[in-house]
Amino acid sequence: MNDSIAKQFLEISASRLDELSSRIDDCLGRLTHDQLWWRAAEAQNSIANLVLHLCGNLRQCTAALANTSDSRDRDREFEQRSGAAPDELRALLKATVSTAAAALRNLPAARLTEVIHIQIYERQIMQIIYLAVDHFAQHTGQIIYATKLMTGHDLGFYAHLSKLRR
């Protein structure tokens, strides 16, 4: 694999996690503790549960890349009904994404095609990264949508595009 392209893939992936986490952070800053833990129905997840889930998933991926153990309890990420305050969730998200982004930026390009074990799968590292960033983006969209519903406001993430069209 071309080393330059591989490094670009790693940088784009790390930057995308940074960008998405900043949008989640913005949402967390707009909501109260009760809004973060609110569920429309028992079978749905709160924004706080999604943040815990994203952090658990990224920690698991980062551990797999480093070939270290991980003690993730995925079910607990969704079982919680209350707990962390907005600032605690923001700090957890920031620390987790910072660690994951640094791991991506420091990953040797030659490892991208290496096959490693994660969860119950054997996958190439490049595929694990792609899936993790995609997963993070999907849940970011859910968090943004829920925040818009709860606040009744546009979050302004794309306001700069409106100005370009004028």
N, C-alpha and C. Protein backbone atom coordinates (compact mmCIF):
# COMPACT_ATOMS: atom_id res chain seq x y z
N MET A 1 0.85 -1.18 0.00
CA MET A 1 0.00 0.00 0.00
C MET A 1 0.89 1.24 0.00
N ASN A 2 0.48 2.22 -0.77
CA ASN A 2 1.20 3.49 -0.84
C ASN A 2 1.21 4.14 0.54
N ASP A 3 2.40 4.42 1.06
CA ASP A 3 2.55 4.97 2.41
C ASP A 3 1.88 6.33 2.55
N SER A 4 1.96 7.16 1.53
CA SER A 4 1.35 8.49 1.57
C SER A 4 -0.17 8.40 1.66
N ILE A 5 -0.75 7.53 0.87
CA ILE A 5 -2.21 7.35 0.91
C ILE A 5 -2.64 6.76 2.25
N ALA A 6 -1.87 5.82 2.75
CA ALA A 6 -2.18 5.22 4.05
C ALA A 6 -2.16 6.27 5.16
N LYS A 7 -1.15 7.12 5.15
CA LYS A 7 -1.07 8.17 6.17
C LYS A 7 -2.23 9.16 6.03
N GLN A 8 -2.62 9.45 4.78
CA GLN A 8 -3.76 10.34 4.57
C GLN A 8 -5.04 9.71 5.13
N PHE A 9 -5.22 8.41 4.91
CA PHE A 9 -6.38 7.70 5.45
C PHE A 9 -6.42 7.81 6.97
N LEU A 10 -5.27 7.61 7.60
CA LEU A 10 -5.21 7.68 9.06
C LEU A 10 -5.51 9.09 9.56
N GLU A 11 -4.96 10.11 8.89
CA GLU A 11 -5.19 11.50 9.29
C GLU A 11 -6.65 11.89 9.06
N ILE A 12 -7.21 11.50 7.93
CA ILE A 12 -8.62 11.81 7.64
C ILE A 12 -9.52 11.14 8.68
N SER A 13 -9.21 9.91 9.05
CA SER A 13 -10.01 9.19 10.05
C SER A 13 -9.93 9.86 11.41
N ALA A 14 -8.73 10.24 11.83
CA ALA A 14 -8.55 10.92 13.12
C ALA A 14 -9.24 12.28 13.11
N SER A 15 -9.10 13.01 12.03
CA SER A 15 -9.73 14.33 11.93
C SER A 15 -11.25 14.23 11.94
N ARG A 16 -11.76 13.19 11.30
CA ARG A 16 -13.22 13.01 11.28
C ARG A 16 -13.74 12.71 12.69
N LEU A 17 -13.03 11.90 13.44
CA LEU A 17 -13.43 11.66 14.84
C LEU A 17 -13.41 12.96 15.64
N ASP A 18 -12.38 13.77 15.44
CA ASP A 18 -12.29 15.06 16.13
C ASP A 18 -13.48 15.95 15.78
N GLU A 19 -13.81 16.02 14.50
CA GLU A 19 -14.91 16.87 14.04
C GLU A 19 -16.25 16.39 14.60
N LEU A 20 -16.50 15.10 14.51
CA LEU A 20 -17.76 14.56 15.01
C LEU A 20 -17.87 14.73 16.52
N SER A 21 -16.78 14.50 17.24
CA SER A 21 -16.85 14.64 18.70
C SER A 21 -17.08 16.09 19.10
N SER A 22 -16.59 17.04 18.31
CA SER A 22 -16.85 18.45 18.63
C SER A 22 -18.33 18.77 18.46
N ARG A 23 -18.99 18.13 17.52
CA ARG A 23 -20.44 18.33 17.34
C ARG A 23 -21.21 17.71 18.50
N ILE A 24 -20.79 16.53 18.93
CA ILE A 24 -21.44 15.91 20.09
C ILE A 24 -21.21 16.79 21.32
N ASP A 25 -20.00 17.28 21.49
CA ASP A 25 -19.69 18.16 22.63
C ASP A 25 -20.60 19.39 22.62
N ASP A 26 -20.81 19.96 21.45
CA ASP A 26 -21.70 21.11 21.33
C ASP A 26 -23.11 20.73 21.78
N CYS A 27 -23.59 19.57 21.36
CA CYS A 27 -24.91 19.11 21.77
C CYS A 27 -24.99 18.92 23.28
N LEU A 28 -23.97 18.29 23.86
CA LEU A 28 -23.96 18.05 25.30
C LEU A 28 -23.99 19.36 26.07
N GLY A 29 -23.36 20.38 25.53
CA GLY A 29 -23.35 21.69 26.18
C GLY A 29 -24.69 22.42 26.11
N ARG A 30 -25.57 21.99 25.26
CA ARG A 30 -26.89 22.63 25.10
C ARG A 30 -27.98 21.97 25.93
N LEU A 31 -27.68 20.82 26.50
CA LEU A 31 -28.72 20.03 27.15
C LEU A 31 -28.52 19.91 28.66
N THR A 32 -29.62 19.74 29.36
CA THR A 32 -29.57 19.52 30.80
C THR A 32 -29.28 18.05 31.10
N HIS A 33 -28.99 17.78 32.34
CA HIS A 33 -28.78 16.39 32.79
C HIS A 33 -29.98 15.54 32.43
N ASP A 34 -31.18 16.02 32.73
CA ASP A 34 -32.39 15.24 32.45
C ASP A 34 -32.59 15.00 30.96
N GLN A 35 -32.28 16.00 30.12
CA GLN A 35 -32.41 15.82 28.68
C GLN A 35 -31.42 14.79 28.16
N LEU A 36 -30.21 14.77 28.72
CA LEU A 36 -29.21 13.81 28.27
C LEU A 36 -29.60 12.37 28.57
N TRP A 37 -30.33 12.17 29.65
CA TRP A 37 -30.72 10.82 30.04
C TRP A 37 -32.14 10.46 29.64
N TRP A 38 -32.85 11.33 28.97
CA TRP A 38 -34.23 11.11 28.56
C TRP A 38 -34.32 10.07 27.44
N ARG A 39 -35.34 9.23 27.55
CA ARG A 39 -35.66 8.24 26.51
C ARG A 39 -37.13 8.40 26.16
N ALA A 40 -37.43 8.35 24.88
CA ALA A 40 -38.83 8.45 24.45
C ALA A 40 -39.58 7.16 24.79
N ALA A 41 -38.87 6.06 24.80
CA ALA A 41 -39.46 4.76 25.14
C ALA A 41 -38.35 3.88 25.72
N GLU A 42 -38.75 2.86 26.43
CA GLU A 42 -37.79 1.98 27.10
C GLU A 42 -36.81 1.33 26.12
N ALA A 43 -37.27 1.02 24.93
CA ALA A 43 -36.43 0.35 23.94
C ALA A 43 -35.48 1.30 23.21
N GLN A 44 -35.52 2.58 23.55
CA GLN A 44 -34.66 3.56 22.90
C GLN A 44 -33.51 3.95 23.83
N ASN A 45 -32.51 4.59 23.25
CA ASN A 45 -31.34 5.01 24.02
C ASN A 45 -31.36 6.51 24.25
N SER A 46 -30.84 6.91 25.38
CA SER A 46 -30.67 8.34 25.64
C SER A 46 -29.39 8.82 24.96
N ILE A 47 -29.25 10.12 24.86
CA ILE A 47 -28.01 10.69 24.32
C ILE A 47 -26.83 10.25 25.20
N ALA A 48 -27.01 10.26 26.51
CA ALA A 48 -25.93 9.84 27.41
C ALA A 48 -25.52 8.40 27.13
N ASN A 49 -26.51 7.51 26.91
CA ASN A 49 -26.18 6.12 26.59
C ASN A 49 -25.38 6.03 25.30
N LEU A 50 -25.74 6.84 24.32
CA LEU A 50 -25.00 6.82 23.05
C LEU A 50 -23.56 7.30 23.24
N VAL A 51 -23.36 8.31 24.07
CA VAL A 51 -22.01 8.79 24.34
C VAL A 51 -21.20 7.69 25.05
N LEU A 52 -21.78 7.06 26.05
CA LEU A 52 -21.09 5.97 26.74
C LEU A 52 -20.75 4.84 25.76
N HIS A 53 -21.69 4.54 24.88
CA HIS A 53 -21.50 3.49 23.88
C HIS A 53 -20.38 3.85 22.91
N LEU A 54 -20.37 5.09 22.41
CA LEU A 54 -19.31 5.52 21.49
C LEU A 54 -17.94 5.45 22.16
N CYS A 55 -17.88 5.88 23.41
CA CYS A 55 -16.60 5.83 24.13
C CYS A 55 -16.15 4.39 24.35
N GLY A 56 -17.07 3.52 24.70
CA GLY A 56 -16.73 2.10 24.88
C GLY A 56 -16.23 1.49 23.59
N ASN A 57 -16.88 1.79 22.49
CA ASN A 57 -16.48 1.25 21.20
C ASN A 57 -15.10 1.75 20.78
N LEU A 58 -14.85 3.06 20.95
CA LEU A 58 -13.54 3.61 20.58
C LEU A 58 -12.43 3.07 21.47
N ARG A 59 -12.70 2.93 22.77
CA ARG A 59 -11.69 2.35 23.67
C ARG A 59 -11.36 0.93 23.25
N GLN A 60 -12.38 0.17 22.87
CA GLN A 60 -12.19 -1.20 22.44
C GLN A 60 -11.34 -1.25 21.16
N CYS A 61 -11.63 -0.37 20.22
CA CYS A 61 -10.85 -0.32 18.98
C CYS A 61 -9.41 0.10 19.25
N THR A 62 -9.22 1.10 20.10
CA THR A 62 -7.88 1.57 20.42
C THR A 62 -7.08 0.46 21.10
N ALA A 63 -7.72 -0.28 22.00
CA ALA A 63 -7.05 -1.39 22.67
C ALA A 63 -6.67 -2.48 21.66
N ALA A 64 -7.54 -2.75 20.72
CA ALA A 64 -7.24 -3.77 19.70
C ALA A 64 -6.05 -3.34 18.85
N LEU A 65 -5.99 -2.06 18.50
CA LEU A 65 -4.86 -1.56 17.70
C LEU A 65 -3.54 -1.69 18.46
N ALA A 66 -3.60 -1.49 19.77
CA ALA A 66 -2.40 -1.56 20.61
C ALA A 66 -2.13 -2.97 21.14
N ASN A 67 -3.04 -3.91 20.80
CA ASN A 67 -2.92 -5.28 21.27
C ASN A 67 -2.88 -5.35 22.80
N THR A 68 -3.77 -4.55 23.42
CA THR A 68 -3.90 -4.56 24.88
C THR A 68 -5.31 -5.04 25.23
N SER A 69 -5.48 -5.45 26.46
CA SER A 69 -6.78 -5.96 26.88
C SER A 69 -7.77 -4.81 27.07
N ASP A 70 -9.03 -5.15 26.96
CA ASP A 70 -10.11 -4.18 27.14
C ASP A 70 -11.19 -4.84 27.97
N SER A 71 -11.75 -4.10 28.92
CA SER A 71 -12.77 -4.66 29.80
C SER A 71 -14.13 -4.01 29.55
N ARG A 72 -14.44 -3.78 28.30
CA ARG A 72 -15.70 -3.13 27.94
C ARG A 72 -16.89 -3.98 28.36
N ASP A 73 -17.90 -3.29 28.92
CA ASP A 73 -19.16 -3.92 29.26
C ASP A 73 -20.24 -3.23 28.42
N ARG A 74 -20.41 -3.70 27.18
CA ARG A 74 -21.29 -3.05 26.21
C ARG A 74 -22.73 -2.94 26.73
N ASP A 75 -23.23 -3.99 27.37
CA ASP A 75 -24.60 -3.95 27.88
C ASP A 75 -24.80 -2.83 28.89
N ARG A 76 -23.81 -2.60 29.72
CA ARG A 76 -23.92 -1.54 30.75
C ARG A 76 -24.03 -0.16 30.11
N GLU A 77 -23.40 0.03 28.95
CA GLU A 77 -23.49 1.32 28.26
C GLU A 77 -24.94 1.70 27.97
N PHE A 78 -25.77 0.70 27.74
CA PHE A 78 -27.17 0.94 27.41
C PHE A 78 -28.11 0.78 28.60
N GLU A 79 -27.68 0.06 29.62
CA GLU A 79 -28.53 -0.19 30.78
C GLU A 79 -28.67 1.01 31.70
N GLN A 80 -27.67 1.87 31.72
CA GLN A 80 -27.70 3.02 32.63
C GLN A 80 -28.90 3.92 32.31
N ARG A 81 -29.53 4.41 33.38
CA ARG A 81 -30.69 5.29 33.22
C ARG A 81 -30.42 6.69 33.76
N SER A 82 -29.32 6.84 34.46
CA SER A 82 -28.91 8.14 35.00
C SER A 82 -27.45 8.01 35.39
N GLY A 83 -26.86 9.14 35.68
CA GLY A 83 -25.47 9.07 36.09
C GLY A 83 -24.72 10.31 35.74
N ALA A 84 -23.78 10.17 34.86
CA ALA A 84 -22.85 11.23 34.53
C ALA A 84 -23.56 12.53 34.14
N ALA A 85 -23.02 13.63 34.65
CA ALA A 85 -23.51 14.96 34.33
C ALA A 85 -22.96 15.37 32.96
N PRO A 86 -23.55 16.40 32.36
CA PRO A 86 -23.07 16.85 31.04
C PRO A 86 -21.56 17.08 30.98
N ASP A 87 -20.99 17.74 31.97
CA ASP A 87 -19.55 18.01 31.94
C ASP A 87 -18.72 16.73 32.04
N GLU A 88 -19.22 15.76 32.81
CA GLU A 88 -18.50 14.48 32.91
C GLU A 88 -18.52 13.74 31.58
N LEU A 89 -19.67 13.75 30.91
CA LEU A 89 -19.77 13.09 29.60
C LEU A 89 -18.87 13.79 28.59
N ARG A 90 -18.84 15.11 28.64
CA ARG A 90 -17.99 15.87 27.72
C ARG A 90 -16.52 15.53 27.95
N ALA A 91 -16.10 15.44 29.19
CA ALA A 91 -14.70 15.12 29.51
C ALA A 91 -14.36 13.69 29.07
N LEU A 92 -15.27 12.75 29.31
CA LEU A 92 -15.05 11.37 28.89
C LEU A 92 -14.92 11.29 27.38
N LEU A 93 -15.80 11.96 26.67
CA LEU A 93 -15.77 11.95 25.21
C LEU A 93 -14.46 12.55 24.69
N LYS A 94 -14.10 13.69 25.24
CA LYS A 94 -12.87 14.37 24.80
C LYS A 94 -11.65 13.49 25.01
N ALA A 95 -11.53 12.89 26.18
CA ALA A 95 -10.37 12.05 26.49
C ALA A 95 -10.34 10.81 25.60
N THR A 96 -11.48 10.19 25.40
CA THR A 96 -11.54 8.97 24.60
C THR A 96 -11.19 9.24 23.14
N VAL A 97 -11.78 10.30 22.58
CA VAL A 97 -11.50 10.62 21.18
C VAL A 97 -10.06 11.08 21.00
N SER A 98 -9.55 11.84 21.96
CA SER A 98 -8.16 12.29 21.88
C SER A 98 -7.21 11.10 21.85
N THR A 99 -7.45 10.11 22.68
CA THR A 99 -6.62 8.91 22.72
C THR A 99 -6.73 8.13 21.41
N ALA A 100 -7.96 7.96 20.92
CA ALA A 100 -8.16 7.21 19.68
C ALA A 100 -7.54 7.93 18.48
N ALA A 101 -7.73 9.25 18.40
CA ALA A 101 -7.16 10.02 17.29
C ALA A 101 -5.63 9.97 17.31
N ALA A 102 -5.04 10.05 18.50
CA ALA A 102 -3.58 9.97 18.61
C ALA A 102 -3.10 8.58 18.18
N ALA A 103 -3.84 7.54 18.56
CA ALA A 103 -3.46 6.18 18.16
C ALA A 103 -3.49 6.05 16.64
N LEU A 104 -4.49 6.65 16.00
CA LEU A 104 -4.56 6.60 14.54
C LEU A 104 -3.41 7.37 13.90
N ARG A 105 -3.15 8.55 14.41
CA ARG A 105 -2.09 9.38 13.84
C ARG A 105 -0.70 8.75 14.02
N ASN A 106 -0.54 7.92 15.03
CA ASN A 106 0.75 7.29 15.31
C ASN A 106 0.85 5.86 14.78
N LEU A 107 -0.21 5.37 14.18
CA LEU A 107 -0.20 4.00 13.67
C LEU A 107 0.69 3.90 12.43
N PRO A 108 1.62 2.97 12.41
CA PRO A 108 2.44 2.80 11.21
C PRO A 108 1.56 2.41 10.01
N ALA A 109 1.76 3.06 8.90
CA ALA A 109 0.95 2.82 7.70
C ALA A 109 0.98 1.35 7.30
N ALA A 110 2.08 0.69 7.51
CA ALA A 110 2.23 -0.71 7.10
C ALA A 110 1.27 -1.64 7.85
N ARG A 111 0.72 -1.20 8.97
CA ARG A 111 -0.18 -2.06 9.75
C ARG A 111 -1.61 -2.07 9.22
N LEU A 112 -1.95 -1.18 8.32
CA LEU A 112 -3.34 -1.07 7.86
C LEU A 112 -3.91 -2.36 7.29
N THR A 113 -3.10 -3.16 6.66
CA THR A 113 -3.60 -4.42 6.09
C THR A 113 -3.43 -5.61 7.04
N GLU A 114 -2.87 -5.36 8.21
CA GLU A 114 -2.72 -6.42 9.21
C GLU A 114 -4.09 -6.85 9.72
N VAL A 115 -4.27 -8.15 9.89
CA VAL A 115 -5.52 -8.69 10.41
C VAL A 115 -5.37 -8.89 11.91
N ILE A 116 -6.34 -8.35 12.66
CA ILE A 116 -6.33 -8.50 14.12
C ILE A 116 -7.71 -8.95 14.59
N HIS A 117 -7.78 -9.37 15.83
CA HIS A 117 -9.03 -9.84 16.44
C HIS A 117 -9.67 -8.69 17.21
N ILE A 118 -10.96 -8.45 16.94
CA ILE A 118 -11.74 -7.47 17.71
C ILE A 118 -13.15 -8.02 17.85
N GLN A 119 -13.68 -7.95 19.06
CA GLN A 119 -14.96 -8.56 19.39
C GLN A 119 -14.89 -10.03 18.98
N ILE A 120 -15.73 -10.46 18.07
CA ILE A 120 -15.69 -11.86 17.62
C ILE A 120 -15.15 -11.97 16.20
N TYR A 121 -14.55 -10.90 15.70
CA TYR A 121 -14.14 -10.83 14.30
C TYR A 121 -12.64 -10.81 14.12
N GLU A 122 -12.22 -11.28 12.96
CA GLU A 122 -10.85 -11.13 12.48
C GLU A 122 -10.96 -10.16 11.30
N ARG A 123 -10.36 -8.98 11.43
CA ARG A 123 -10.50 -7.97 10.39
C ARG A 123 -9.19 -7.23 10.18
N GLN A 124 -9.05 -6.68 8.96
CA GLN A 124 -7.92 -5.81 8.70
C GLN A 124 -8.08 -4.53 9.50
N ILE A 125 -6.98 -3.97 9.95
CA ILE A 125 -7.02 -2.73 10.73
C ILE A 125 -7.71 -1.62 9.96
N MET A 126 -7.47 -1.53 8.66
CA MET A 126 -8.12 -0.49 7.86
C MET A 126 -9.65 -0.63 7.94
N GLN A 127 -10.14 -1.84 7.89
CA GLN A 127 -11.58 -2.06 7.98
C GLN A 127 -12.10 -1.70 9.36
N ILE A 128 -11.36 -2.02 10.40
CA ILE A 128 -11.77 -1.68 11.77
C ILE A 128 -11.89 -0.17 11.91
N ILE A 129 -10.92 0.56 11.39
CA ILE A 129 -10.95 2.03 11.46
C ILE A 129 -12.15 2.57 10.70
N TYR A 130 -12.35 2.08 9.50
CA TYR A 130 -13.47 2.53 8.67
C TYR A 130 -14.80 2.30 9.37
N LEU A 131 -14.96 1.11 9.92
CA LEU A 131 -16.21 0.78 10.62
C LEU A 131 -16.39 1.63 11.88
N ALA A 132 -15.30 1.87 12.61
CA ALA A 132 -15.40 2.65 13.84
C ALA A 132 -15.79 4.10 13.55
N VAL A 133 -15.19 4.70 12.53
CA VAL A 133 -15.52 6.09 12.18
C VAL A 133 -16.96 6.16 11.66
N ASP A 134 -17.36 5.20 10.85
CA ASP A 134 -18.73 5.15 10.34
C ASP A 134 -19.73 5.01 11.50
N HIS A 135 -19.44 4.13 12.42
CA HIS A 135 -20.28 3.92 13.60
C HIS A 135 -20.40 5.21 14.41
N PHE A 136 -19.28 5.88 14.60
CA PHE A 136 -19.26 7.14 15.34
C PHE A 136 -20.12 8.19 14.63
N ALA A 137 -20.03 8.25 13.31
CA ALA A 137 -20.81 9.21 12.53
C ALA A 137 -22.31 8.93 12.63
N GLN A 138 -22.68 7.67 12.57
CA GLN A 138 -24.11 7.33 12.65
C GLN A 138 -24.72 7.77 13.98
N HIS A 139 -24.04 7.47 15.07
CA HIS A 139 -24.58 7.87 16.37
C HIS A 139 -24.48 9.38 16.58
N THR A 140 -23.50 10.03 15.98
CA THR A 140 -23.44 11.50 16.04
C THR A 140 -24.69 12.08 15.41
N GLY A 141 -25.11 11.55 14.28
CA GLY A 141 -26.34 12.01 13.64
C GLY A 141 -27.55 11.83 14.54
N GLN A 142 -27.63 10.73 15.24
CA GLN A 142 -28.74 10.52 16.17
C GLN A 142 -28.72 11.56 17.29
N ILE A 143 -27.54 11.84 17.80
CA ILE A 143 -27.41 12.81 18.90
C ILE A 143 -27.79 14.21 18.41
N ILE A 144 -27.36 14.58 17.22
CA ILE A 144 -27.71 15.88 16.66
C ILE A 144 -29.22 15.99 16.47
N TYR A 145 -29.82 14.96 15.91
CA TYR A 145 -31.27 14.97 15.69
C TYR A 145 -32.03 15.09 17.01
N ALA A 146 -31.64 14.31 18.00
CA ALA A 146 -32.31 14.38 19.31
C ALA A 146 -32.13 15.75 19.95
N THR A 147 -30.96 16.34 19.80
CA THR A 147 -30.70 17.67 20.36
C THR A 147 -31.60 18.71 19.68
N LYS A 148 -31.73 18.62 18.38
CA LYS A 148 -32.62 19.55 17.65
C LYS A 148 -34.06 19.40 18.13
N LEU A 149 -34.50 18.15 18.33
CA LEU A 149 -35.86 17.92 18.80
C LEU A 149 -36.08 18.51 20.19
N MET A 150 -35.12 18.32 21.07
CA MET A 150 -35.27 18.77 22.45
C MET A 150 -35.14 20.28 22.61
N THR A 151 -34.29 20.89 21.80
CA THR A 151 -34.06 22.33 21.95
C THR A 151 -34.94 23.16 21.02
N GLY A 152 -35.40 22.54 19.94
CA GLY A 152 -36.20 23.28 18.96
C GLY A 152 -35.38 24.25 18.13
N HIS A 153 -34.07 24.05 18.10
CA HIS A 153 -33.18 24.97 17.38
C HIS A 153 -32.31 24.24 16.37
N ASP A 154 -31.99 24.95 15.29
CA ASP A 154 -30.96 24.48 14.39
C ASP A 154 -29.63 24.68 15.12
N LEU A 155 -28.72 23.78 14.96
CA LEU A 155 -27.47 23.85 15.70
C LEU A 155 -26.41 24.68 14.98
N GLY A 156 -26.67 25.05 13.75
CA GLY A 156 -25.78 25.95 13.02
C GLY A 156 -24.50 25.33 12.51
N PHE A 157 -24.43 24.00 12.44
CA PHE A 157 -23.19 23.36 11.99
C PHE A 157 -22.88 23.66 10.53
N TYR A 158 -23.90 24.00 9.77
CA TYR A 158 -23.69 24.24 8.34
C TYR A 158 -24.06 25.66 7.94
N ALA A 159 -24.12 26.56 8.90
CA ALA A 159 -24.48 27.95 8.62
C ALA A 159 -23.51 28.59 7.63
N HIS A 160 -22.25 28.21 7.70
CA HIS A 160 -21.25 28.79 6.78
C HIS A 160 -21.56 28.46 5.33
N LEU A 161 -22.24 27.33 5.07
CA LEU A 161 -22.59 26.97 3.70
C LEU A 161 -23.67 27.88 3.13
N SER A 162 -24.59 28.32 3.97
CA SER A 162 -25.63 29.23 3.53
C SER A 162 -25.04 30.54 3.05
N LYS A 163 -24.01 31.00 3.73
CA LYS A 163 -23.36 32.26 3.37
C LYS A 163 -22.63 32.13 2.04
N LEU A 164 -22.13 30.93 1.71
CA LEU A 164 -21.41 30.72 0.47
C LEU A 164 -22.36 30.77 -0.74
N ARG A 165 -23.61 30.42 -0.53
CA ARG A 165 -24.58 30.39 -1.62
C ARG A 165 -25.11 31.76 -2.00
N ARG A 166 -24.92 32.72 -1.13
CA ARG A 166 -25.46 34.07 -1.39
C ARG A 166 -24.63 34.85 -2.32
